[in-house]
Amino acid sequence: MHTVPLKRVTIVAEAVLERHLTADLERLGARGWTVLEARGSGSRGVRADQVAGANVQIETLVQPATAERIVEHVARQYFDNYAVIVYVDTVEVVRGDKYA
């Protein structure tokens, strides 16, 4: 089976940012994304108002240059004022031509 190496960018953020982040992804070159509800604890602890859906996890598969643009933008735009984390890993994608 033929696969293509791509970058998976994962953003975990406050749910209030979902529309902004997905619009940013599209503007920065992502062709699609997946959003899941997320819960957890981190450097900012568990938020007192934590309810189902209070956080989202957004994933997108992109070329390396697009991943770099996304990470830089999210860090610059959101890190100072919101509970947001971004991580990137390399994945092998079947039907990778959809992301060229």
PDB file of N, CA and C in Angstrom:
ATOM      1  N   MET A   1       0.847  -1.172   0.000  1.00  0.00           N
ATOM      2  CA  MET A   1       0.000   0.000   0.000  1.00  0.00           C
ATOM      3  C   MET A   1       0.893   1.236   0.000  1.00  0.00           C
ATOM      4  N   HIS A   2       0.575   2.178  -0.854  1.00  0.00           N
ATOM      5  CA  HIS A   2       1.358   3.413  -0.963  1.00  0.00           C
ATOM      6  C   HIS A   2       0.842   4.447   0.037  1.00  0.00           C
ATOM      7  N   THR A   3       1.768   5.038   0.790  1.00  0.00           N
ATOM      8  CA  THR A   3       1.410   6.114   1.719  1.00  0.00           C
ATOM      9  C   THR A   3       2.260   7.336   1.431  1.00  0.00           C
ATOM     10  N   VAL A   4       1.800   8.471   1.930  1.00  0.00           N
ATOM     11  CA  VAL A   4       2.482   9.748   1.752  1.00  0.00           C
ATOM     12  C   VAL A   4       2.726  10.342   3.139  1.00  0.00           C
ATOM     13  N   PRO A   5       3.958  10.785   3.436  1.00  0.00           N
ATOM     14  CA  PRO A   5       4.198  11.413   4.745  1.00  0.00           C
ATOM     15  C   PRO A   5       3.638  12.838   4.772  1.00  0.00           C
ATOM     16  N   LEU A   6       2.847  13.117   5.782  1.00  0.00           N
ATOM     17  CA  LEU A   6       2.278  14.443   5.996  1.00  0.00           C
ATOM     18  C   LEU A   6       2.438  14.809   7.462  1.00  0.00           C
ATOM     19  N   LYS A   7       2.140  16.041   7.789  1.00  0.00           N
ATOM     20  CA  LYS A   7       2.152  16.500   9.172  1.00  0.00           C
ATOM     21  C   LYS A   7       0.718  16.543   9.691  1.00  0.00           C
ATOM     22  N   ARG A   8       0.531  15.975  10.877  1.00  0.00           N
ATOM     23  CA  ARG A   8      -0.754  16.111  11.573  1.00  0.00           C
ATOM     24  C   ARG A   8      -0.561  17.191  12.625  1.00  0.00           C
ATOM     25  N   VAL A   9      -1.302  18.272  12.476  1.00  0.00           N
ATOM     26  CA  VAL A   9      -1.275  19.354  13.455  1.00  0.00           C
ATOM     27  C   VAL A   9      -2.486  19.159  14.355  1.00  0.00           C
ATOM     28  N   THR A  10      -2.237  19.082  15.657  1.00  0.00           N
ATOM     29  CA  THR A  10      -3.306  18.925  16.639  1.00  0.00           C
ATOM     30  C   THR A  10      -3.317  20.152  17.532  1.00  0.00           C
ATOM     31  N   ILE A  11      -4.493  20.738  17.661  1.00  0.00           N
ATOM     32  CA  ILE A  11      -4.685  21.914  18.513  1.00  0.00           C
ATOM     33  C   ILE A  11      -5.723  21.549  19.564  1.00  0.00           C
ATOM     34  N   VAL A  12      -5.393  21.732  20.829  1.00  0.00           N
ATOM     35  CA  VAL A  12      -6.356  21.563  21.913  1.00  0.00           C
ATOM     36  C   VAL A  12      -6.563  22.950  22.499  1.00  0.00           C
ATOM     37  N   ALA A  13      -7.828  23.385  22.518  1.00  0.00           N
ATOM     38  CA  ALA A  13      -8.111  24.774  22.886  1.00  0.00           C
ATOM     39  C   ALA A  13      -9.485  24.898  23.528  1.00  0.00           C
ATOM     40  N   GLU A  14      -9.720  26.056  24.101  1.00  0.00           N
ATOM     41  CA  GLU A  14     -11.039  26.380  24.629  1.00  0.00           C
ATOM     42  C   GLU A  14     -12.049  26.337  23.478  1.00  0.00           C
ATOM     43  N   ALA A  15     -13.220  25.770  23.743  1.00  0.00           N
ATOM     44  CA  ALA A  15     -14.228  25.594  22.704  1.00  0.00           C
ATOM     45  C   ALA A  15     -14.648  26.914  22.063  1.00  0.00           C
ATOM     46  N   VAL A  16     -14.569  27.996  22.797  1.00  0.00           N
ATOM     47  CA  VAL A  16     -14.955  29.297  22.262  1.00  0.00           C
ATOM     48  C   VAL A  16     -14.109  29.679  21.049  1.00  0.00           C
ATOM     49  N   LEU A  17     -12.943  29.077  20.901  1.00  0.00           N
ATOM     50  CA  LEU A  17     -12.047  29.399  19.789  1.00  0.00           C
ATOM     51  C   LEU A  17     -12.292  28.547  18.540  1.00  0.00           C
ATOM     52  N   GLU A  18     -13.168  27.586  18.600  1.00  0.00           N
ATOM     53  CA  GLU A  18     -13.339  26.635  17.490  1.00  0.00           C
ATOM     54  C   GLU A  18     -13.545  27.323  16.139  1.00  0.00           C
ATOM     55  N   ARG A  19     -14.483  28.213  16.040  1.00  0.00           N
ATOM     56  CA  ARG A  19     -14.755  28.872  14.749  1.00  0.00           C
ATOM     57  C   ARG A  19     -13.562  29.687  14.260  1.00  0.00           C
ATOM     58  N   HIS A  20     -12.904  30.368  15.175  1.00  0.00           N
ATOM     59  CA  HIS A  20     -11.734  31.163  14.799  1.00  0.00           C
ATOM     60  C   HIS A  20     -10.608  30.259  14.293  1.00  0.00           C
ATOM     61  N   LEU A  21     -10.355  29.176  15.024  1.00  0.00           N
ATOM     62  CA  LEU A  21      -9.258  28.287  14.662  1.00  0.00           C
ATOM     63  C   LEU A  21      -9.519  27.562  13.346  1.00  0.00           C
ATOM     64  N   THR A  22     -10.736  27.083  13.138  1.00  0.00           N
ATOM     65  CA  THR A  22     -11.015  26.387  11.883  1.00  0.00           C
ATOM     66  C   THR A  22     -10.960  27.351  10.695  1.00  0.00           C
ATOM     67  N   ALA A  23     -11.388  28.579  10.886  1.00  0.00           N
ATOM     68  CA  ALA A  23     -11.249  29.585   9.817  1.00  0.00           C
ATOM     69  C   ALA A  23      -9.775  29.868   9.549  1.00  0.00           C
ATOM     70  N   ASP A  24      -8.978  29.967  10.616  1.00  0.00           N
ATOM     71  CA  ASP A  24      -7.537  30.178  10.468  1.00  0.00           C
ATOM     72  C   ASP A  24      -6.913  29.026   9.670  1.00  0.00           C
ATOM     73  N   LEU A  25      -7.276  27.780  10.012  1.00  0.00           N
ATOM     74  CA  LEU A  25      -6.712  26.628   9.317  1.00  0.00           C
ATOM     75  C   LEU A  25      -6.966  26.716   7.814  1.00  0.00           C
ATOM     76  N   GLU A  26      -8.191  27.020   7.447  1.00  0.00           N
ATOM     77  CA  GLU A  26      -8.535  27.118   6.032  1.00  0.00           C
ATOM     78  C   GLU A  26      -7.758  28.246   5.358  1.00  0.00           C
ATOM     79  N   ARG A  27      -7.678  29.375   6.026  1.00  0.00           N
ATOM     80  CA  ARG A  27      -6.970  30.524   5.456  1.00  0.00           C
ATOM     81  C   ARG A  27      -5.479  30.241   5.297  1.00  0.00           C
ATOM     82  N   LEU A  28      -4.929  29.421   6.188  1.00  0.00           N
ATOM     83  CA  LEU A  28      -3.502  29.106   6.154  1.00  0.00           C
ATOM     84  C   LEU A  28      -3.165  27.927   5.243  1.00  0.00           C
ATOM     85  N   GLY A  29      -4.175  27.309   4.621  1.00  0.00           N
ATOM     86  CA  GLY A  29      -3.907  26.283   3.619  1.00  0.00           C
ATOM     87  C   GLY A  29      -4.374  24.881   3.912  1.00  0.00           C
ATOM     88  N   ALA A  30      -4.994  24.628   5.057  1.00  0.00           N
ATOM     89  CA  ALA A  30      -5.523  23.291   5.340  1.00  0.00           C
ATOM     90  C   ALA A  30      -6.754  23.040   4.478  1.00  0.00           C
ATOM     91  N   ARG A  31      -6.862  21.840   3.938  1.00  0.00           N
ATOM     92  CA  ARG A  31      -8.003  21.496   3.086  1.00  0.00           C
ATOM     93  C   ARG A  31      -9.173  20.929   3.878  1.00  0.00           C
ATOM     94  N   GLY A  32      -8.946  20.622   5.130  1.00  0.00           N
ATOM     95  CA  GLY A  32     -10.008  20.079   5.966  1.00  0.00           C
ATOM     96  C   GLY A  32      -9.508  19.932   7.383  1.00  0.00           C
ATOM     97  N   TRP A  33     -10.408  19.571   8.284  1.00  0.00           N
ATOM     98  CA  TRP A  33     -10.060  19.424   9.685  1.00  0.00           C
ATOM     99  C   TRP A  33     -11.111  18.572  10.366  1.00  0.00           C
ATOM    100  N   THR A  34     -10.779  18.063  11.534  1.00  0.00           N
ATOM    101  CA  THR A  34     -11.693  17.284  12.370  1.00  0.00           C
ATOM    102  C   THR A  34     -11.710  17.921  13.746  1.00  0.00           C
ATOM    103  N   VAL A  35     -12.894  18.064  14.335  1.00  0.00           N
ATOM    104  CA  VAL A  35     -13.035  18.645  15.671  1.00  0.00           C
ATOM    105  C   VAL A  35     -13.676  17.610  16.590  1.00  0.00           C
ATOM    106  N   LEU A  36     -13.066  17.436  17.766  1.00  0.00           N
ATOM    107  CA  LEU A  36     -13.577  16.538  18.801  1.00  0.00           C
ATOM    108  C   LEU A  36     -13.697  17.306  20.111  1.00  0.00           C
ATOM    109  N   GLU A  37     -14.653  16.920  20.954  1.00  0.00           N
ATOM    110  CA  GLU A  37     -14.713  17.483  22.296  1.00  0.00           C
ATOM    111  C   GLU A  37     -13.548  16.904  23.093  1.00  0.00           C
ATOM    112  N   ALA A  38     -12.990  17.716  23.992  1.00  0.00           N
ATOM    113  CA  ALA A  38     -11.829  17.264  24.769  1.00  0.00           C
ATOM    114  C   ALA A  38     -11.931  17.749  26.209  1.00  0.00           C
ATOM    115  N   ARG A  39     -11.365  16.948  27.117  1.00  0.00           N
ATOM    116  CA  ARG A  39     -11.261  17.309  28.520  1.00  0.00           C
ATOM    117  C   ARG A  39      -9.878  16.924  29.000  1.00  0.00           C
ATOM    118  N   GLY A  40      -9.405  17.571  30.048  1.00  0.00           N
ATOM    119  CA  GLY A  40      -8.100  17.209  30.589  1.00  0.00           C
ATOM    120  C   GLY A  40      -7.603  18.249  31.568  1.00  0.00           C
ATOM    121  N   SER A  41      -6.356  18.099  31.929  1.00  0.00           N
ATOM    122  CA  SER A  41      -5.711  19.008  32.857  1.00  0.00           C
ATOM    123  C   SER A  41      -4.317  19.306  32.325  1.00  0.00           C
ATOM    124  N   GLY A  42      -3.858  20.522  32.578  1.00  0.00           N
ATOM    125  CA  GLY A  42      -2.539  20.903  32.102  1.00  0.00           C
ATOM    126  C   GLY A  42      -1.957  21.987  32.969  1.00  0.00           C
ATOM    127  N   SER A  43      -1.098  22.806  32.379  1.00  0.00           N
ATOM    128  CA  SER A  43      -0.410  23.842  33.140  1.00  0.00           C
ATOM    129  C   SER A  43      -1.375  24.846  33.755  1.00  0.00           C
ATOM    130  N   ARG A  44      -2.533  25.000  33.164  1.00  0.00           N
ATOM    131  CA  ARG A  44      -3.538  25.912  33.716  1.00  0.00           C
ATOM    132  C   ARG A  44      -4.546  25.178  34.590  1.00  0.00           C
ATOM    133  N   GLY A  45      -4.301  23.890  34.833  1.00  0.00           N
ATOM    134  CA  GLY A  45      -5.174  23.093  35.683  1.00  0.00           C
ATOM    135  C   GLY A  45      -6.467  22.742  34.984  1.00  0.00           C
ATOM    136  N   VAL A  46      -7.407  22.200  35.754  1.00  0.00           N
ATOM    137  CA  VAL A  46      -8.739  21.903  35.254  1.00  0.00           C
ATOM    138  C   VAL A  46      -9.581  23.131  35.511  1.00  0.00           C
ATOM    139  N   ARG A  47     -10.199  23.655  34.487  1.00  0.00           N
ATOM    140  CA  ARG A  47     -10.993  24.870  34.659  1.00  0.00           C
ATOM    141  C   ARG A  47     -12.215  24.605  35.533  1.00  0.00           C
ATOM    142  N   ALA A  48     -12.561  25.570  36.374  1.00  0.00           N
ATOM    143  CA  ALA A  48     -13.686  25.429  37.298  1.00  0.00           C
ATOM    144  C   ALA A  48     -14.999  25.251  36.550  1.00  0.00           C
ATOM    145  N   ASP A  49     -15.116  25.817  35.357  1.00  0.00           N
ATOM    146  CA  ASP A  49     -16.365  25.731  34.601  1.00  0.00           C
ATOM    147  C   ASP A  49     -16.361  24.551  33.635  1.00  0.00           C
ATOM    148  N   GLN A  50     -15.472  23.569  33.873  1.00  0.00           N
ATOM    149  CA  GLN A  50     -15.315  22.443  32.963  1.00  0.00           C
ATOM    150  C   GLN A  50     -16.625  21.684  32.822  1.00  0.00           C
ATOM    151  N   VAL A  51     -17.155  21.657  31.614  1.00  0.00           N
ATOM    152  CA  VAL A  51     -18.333  20.868  31.255  1.00  0.00           C
ATOM    153  C   VAL A  51     -18.012  20.168  29.956  1.00  0.00           C
ATOM    154  N   ALA A  52     -18.804  19.161  29.613  1.00  0.00           N
ATOM    155  CA  ALA A  52     -18.567  18.462  28.345  1.00  0.00           C
ATOM    156  C   ALA A  52     -18.549  19.471  27.207  1.00  0.00           C
ATOM    157  N   GLY A  53     -17.519  19.429  26.414  1.00  0.00           N
ATOM    158  CA  GLY A  53     -17.416  20.340  25.284  1.00  0.00           C
ATOM    159  C   GLY A  53     -16.736  21.649  25.595  1.00  0.00           C
ATOM    160  N   ALA A  54     -16.219  21.815  26.816  1.00  0.00           N
ATOM    161  CA  ALA A  54     -15.581  23.073  27.174  1.00  0.00           C
ATOM    162  C   ALA A  54     -14.259  23.265  26.440  1.00  0.00           C
ATOM    163  N   ASN A  55     -13.678  22.181  25.932  1.00  0.00           N
ATOM    164  CA  ASN A  55     -12.463  22.245  25.128  1.00  0.00           C
ATOM    165  C   ASN A  55     -12.695  21.472  23.837  1.00  0.00           C
ATOM    166  N   VAL A  56     -11.915  21.801  22.823  1.00  0.00           N
ATOM    167  CA  VAL A  56     -11.970  21.073  21.569  1.00  0.00           C
ATOM    168  C   VAL A  56     -10.573  20.624  21.185  1.00  0.00           C
ATOM    169  N   GLN A  57     -10.516  19.534  20.444  1.00  0.00           N
ATOM    170  CA  GLN A  57      -9.279  19.068  19.831  1.00  0.00           C
ATOM    171  C   GLN A  57      -9.514  19.126  18.329  1.00  0.00           C
ATOM    172  N   ILE A  58      -8.676  19.867  17.644  1.00  0.00           N
ATOM    173  CA  ILE A  58      -8.799  20.052  16.205  1.00  0.00           C
ATOM    174  C   ILE A  58      -7.578  19.443  15.545  1.00  0.00           C
ATOM    175  N   GLU A  59      -7.802  18.579  14.560  1.00  0.00           N
ATOM    176  CA  GLU A  59      -6.703  17.960  13.835  1.00  0.00           C
ATOM    177  C   GLU A  59      -6.825  18.251  12.353  1.00  0.00           C
ATOM    178  N   THR A  60      -5.682  18.443  11.722  1.00  0.00           N
ATOM    179  CA  THR A  60      -5.630  18.619  10.280  1.00  0.00           C
ATOM    180  C   THR A  60      -4.380  17.948   9.745  1.00  0.00           C
ATOM    181  N   LEU A  61      -4.454  17.442   8.523  1.00  0.00           N
ATOM    182  CA  LEU A  61      -3.316  16.833   7.840  1.00  0.00           C
ATOM    183  C   LEU A  61      -2.864  17.784   6.748  1.00  0.00           C
ATOM    184  N   VAL A  62      -1.588  18.158   6.796  1.00  0.00           N
ATOM    185  CA  VAL A  62      -1.088  19.178   5.875  1.00  0.00           C
ATOM    186  C   VAL A  62       0.362  18.904   5.482  1.00  0.00           C
ATOM    187  N   GLN A  63       0.812  19.626   4.472  1.00  0.00           N
ATOM    188  CA  GLN A  63       2.204  19.600   4.066  1.00  0.00           C
ATOM    189  C   GLN A  63       3.052  20.289   5.149  1.00  0.00           C
ATOM    190  N   PRO A  64       4.344  19.984   5.237  1.00  0.00           N
ATOM    191  CA  PRO A  64       5.200  20.567   6.276  1.00  0.00           C
ATOM    192  C   PRO A  64       5.194  22.095   6.333  1.00  0.00           C
ATOM    193  N   ALA A  65       5.232  22.767   5.205  1.00  0.00           N
ATOM    194  CA  ALA A  65       5.249  24.236   5.209  1.00  0.00           C
ATOM    195  C   ALA A  65       3.951  24.798   5.772  1.00  0.00           C
ATOM    196  N   THR A  66       2.845  24.152   5.469  1.00  0.00           N
ATOM    197  CA  THR A  66       1.551  24.597   5.998  1.00  0.00           C
ATOM    198  C   THR A  66       1.502  24.378   7.502  1.00  0.00           C
ATOM    199  N   ALA A  67       2.022  23.255   7.966  1.00  0.00           N
ATOM    200  CA  ALA A  67       2.065  22.980   9.408  1.00  0.00           C
ATOM    201  C   ALA A  67       2.843  24.070  10.134  1.00  0.00           C
ATOM    202  N   GLU A  68       3.960  24.463   9.567  1.00  0.00           N
ATOM    203  CA  GLU A  68       4.779  25.506  10.190  1.00  0.00           C
ATOM    204  C   GLU A  68       4.015  26.827  10.279  1.00  0.00           C
ATOM    205  N   ARG A  69       3.304  27.190   9.210  1.00  0.00           N
ATOM    206  CA  ARG A  69       2.505  28.429   9.225  1.00  0.00           C
ATOM    207  C   ARG A  69       1.420  28.364  10.292  1.00  0.00           C
ATOM    208  N   ILE A  70       0.769  27.217  10.411  1.00  0.00           N
ATOM    209  CA  ILE A  70      -0.310  27.056  11.388  1.00  0.00           C
ATOM    210  C   ILE A  70       0.232  27.196  12.809  1.00  0.00           C
ATOM    211  N   VAL A  71       1.307  26.487  13.113  1.00  0.00           N
ATOM    212  CA  VAL A  71       1.884  26.523  14.461  1.00  0.00           C
ATOM    213  C   VAL A  71       2.308  27.943  14.824  1.00  0.00           C
ATOM    214  N   GLU A  72       3.000  28.607  13.931  1.00  0.00           N
ATOM    215  CA  GLU A  72       3.452  29.978  14.202  1.00  0.00           C
ATOM    216  C   GLU A  72       2.269  30.914  14.430  1.00  0.00           C
ATOM    217  N   HIS A  73       1.232  30.787  13.612  1.00  0.00           N
ATOM    218  CA  HIS A  73       0.061  31.658  13.751  1.00  0.00           C
ATOM    219  C   HIS A  73      -0.661  31.413  15.082  1.00  0.00           C
ATOM    220  N   VAL A  74      -0.907  30.144  15.405  1.00  0.00           N
ATOM    221  CA  VAL A  74      -1.628  29.830  16.648  1.00  0.00           C
ATOM    222  C   VAL A  74      -0.834  30.315  17.855  1.00  0.00           C
ATOM    223  N   ALA A  75       0.460  30.095  17.853  1.00  0.00           N
ATOM    224  CA  ALA A  75       1.297  30.553  18.974  1.00  0.00           C
ATOM    225  C   ALA A  75       1.221  32.069  19.125  1.00  0.00           C
ATOM    226  N   ARG A  76       1.352  32.769  18.034  1.00  0.00           N
ATOM    227  CA  ARG A  76       1.353  34.239  18.063  1.00  0.00           C
ATOM    228  C   ARG A  76      -0.029  34.797  18.430  1.00  0.00           C
ATOM    229  N   GLN A  77      -1.070  34.198  17.909  1.00  0.00           N
ATOM    230  CA  GLN A  77      -2.421  34.742  18.047  1.00  0.00           C
ATOM    231  C   GLN A  77      -3.117  34.362  19.362  1.00  0.00           C
ATOM    232  N   TYR A  78      -2.825  33.162  19.892  1.00  0.00           N
ATOM    233  CA  TYR A  78      -3.658  32.644  20.980  1.00  0.00           C
ATOM    234  C   TYR A  78      -2.936  32.290  22.281  1.00  0.00           C
ATOM    235  N   PHE A  79      -1.654  31.975  22.247  1.00  0.00           N
ATOM    236  CA  PHE A  79      -0.996  31.439  23.439  1.00  0.00           C
ATOM    237  C   PHE A  79      -1.054  32.363  24.652  1.00  0.00           C
ATOM    238  N   ASP A  80      -0.915  33.645  24.464  1.00  0.00           N
ATOM    239  CA  ASP A  80      -0.854  34.556  25.612  1.00  0.00           C
ATOM    240  C   ASP A  80      -2.164  34.678  26.385  1.00  0.00           C
ATOM    241  N   ASN A  81      -3.293  34.487  25.703  1.00  0.00           N
ATOM    242  CA  ASN A  81      -4.576  34.787  26.343  1.00  0.00           C
ATOM    243  C   ASN A  81      -5.542  33.620  26.477  1.00  0.00           C
ATOM    244  N   TYR A  82      -5.179  32.460  25.962  1.00  0.00           N
ATOM    245  CA  TYR A  82      -6.105  31.324  25.988  1.00  0.00           C
ATOM    246  C   TYR A  82      -5.370  30.052  26.394  1.00  0.00           C
ATOM    247  N   ALA A  83      -6.141  29.074  26.891  1.00  0.00           N
ATOM    248  CA  ALA A  83      -5.600  27.749  27.173  1.00  0.00           C
ATOM    249  C   ALA A  83      -5.553  26.992  25.844  1.00  0.00           C
ATOM    250  N   VAL A  84      -4.376  26.955  25.221  1.00  0.00           N
ATOM    251  CA  VAL A  84      -4.191  26.349  23.901  1.00  0.00           C
ATOM    252  C   VAL A  84      -2.854  25.608  23.878  1.00  0.00           C
ATOM    253  N   ILE A  85      -2.847  24.443  23.265  1.00  0.00           N
ATOM    254  CA  ILE A  85      -1.607  23.711  23.007  1.00  0.00           C
ATOM    255  C   ILE A  85      -1.649  23.227  21.569  1.00  0.00           C
ATOM    256  N   VAL A  86      -0.499  23.189  20.931  1.00  0.00           N
ATOM    257  CA  VAL A  86      -0.386  22.687  19.562  1.00  0.00           C
ATOM    258  C   VAL A  86       0.747  21.691  19.519  1.00  0.00           C
ATOM    259  N   TYR A  87       0.517  20.570  18.856  1.00  0.00           N
ATOM    260  CA  TYR A  87       1.619  19.650  18.621  1.00  0.00           C
ATOM    261  C   TYR A  87       1.524  19.088  17.209  1.00  0.00           C
ATOM    262  N   VAL A  88       2.679  18.680  16.697  1.00  0.00           N
ATOM    263  CA  VAL A  88       2.794  18.225  15.317  1.00  0.00           C
ATOM    264  C   VAL A  88       3.511  16.884  15.313  1.00  0.00           C
ATOM    265  N   ASP A  89       2.985  15.957  14.531  1.00  0.00           N
ATOM    266  CA  ASP A  89       3.692  14.715  14.314  1.00  0.00           C
ATOM    267  C   ASP A  89       3.619  14.344  12.839  1.00  0.00           C
ATOM    268  N   THR A  90       4.510  13.463  12.431  1.00  0.00           N
ATOM    269  CA  THR A  90       4.528  13.000  11.053  1.00  0.00           C
ATOM    270  C   THR A  90       3.715  11.717  10.971  1.00  0.00           C
ATOM    271  N   VAL A  91       2.819  11.660  10.006  1.00  0.00           N
ATOM    272  CA  VAL A  91       1.970  10.495   9.814  1.00  0.00           C
ATOM    273  C   VAL A  91       2.083  10.014   8.374  1.00  0.00           C
ATOM    274  N   GLU A  92       1.797   8.754   8.161  1.00  0.00           N
ATOM    275  CA  GLU A  92       1.771   8.158   6.826  1.00  0.00           C
ATOM    276  C   GLU A  92       0.310   8.042   6.410  1.00  0.00           C
ATOM    277  N   VAL A  93      -0.044   8.695   5.313  1.00  0.00           N
ATOM    278  CA  VAL A  93      -1.443   8.816   4.916  1.00  0.00           C
ATOM    279  C   VAL A  93      -1.713   8.050   3.625  1.00  0.00           C
ATOM    280  N   VAL A  94      -2.715   7.196   3.663  1.00  0.00           N
ATOM    281  CA  VAL A  94      -3.208   6.550   2.461  1.00  0.00           C
ATOM    282  C   VAL A  94      -4.110   7.568   1.764  1.00  0.00           C
ATOM    283  N   ARG A  95      -4.083   7.643   0.466  1.00  0.00           N
ATOM    284  CA  ARG A  95      -4.799   8.659  -0.305  1.00  0.00           C
ATOM    285  C   ARG A  95      -4.209  10.056  -0.028  1.00  0.00           C
ATOM    286  N   GLY A  96      -2.925  10.099   0.200  1.00  0.00           N
ATOM    287  CA  GLY A  96      -2.236  11.340   0.500  1.00  0.00           C
ATOM    288  C   GLY A  96      -2.319  12.379  -0.596  1.00  0.00           C
ATOM    289  N   ASP A  97      -2.644  11.944  -1.831  1.00  0.00           N
ATOM    290  CA  ASP A  97      -2.772  12.883  -2.933  1.00  0.00           C
ATOM    291  C   ASP A  97      -3.874  13.914  -2.683  1.00  0.00           C
ATOM    292  N   LYS A  98      -4.805  13.608  -1.802  1.00  0.00           N
ATOM    293  CA  LYS A  98      -5.861  14.574  -1.457  1.00  0.00           C
ATOM    294  C   LYS A  98      -5.314  15.808  -0.753  1.00  0.00           C
ATOM    295  N   TYR A  99      -4.079  15.714  -0.253  1.00  0.00           N
ATOM    296  CA  TYR A  99      -3.503  16.791   0.554  1.00  0.00           C
ATOM    297  C   TYR A  99      -2.358  17.505  -0.143  1.00  0.00           C
ATOM    298  N   ALA A 100      -2.149  17.211  -1.412  1.00  0.00           N
ATOM    299  CA  ALA A 100      -1.031  17.817  -2.171  1.00  0.00           C
ATOM    300  C   ALA A 100      -1.270  19.284  -2.447  1.00  0.00           C
TER     301      ALA A 100
END
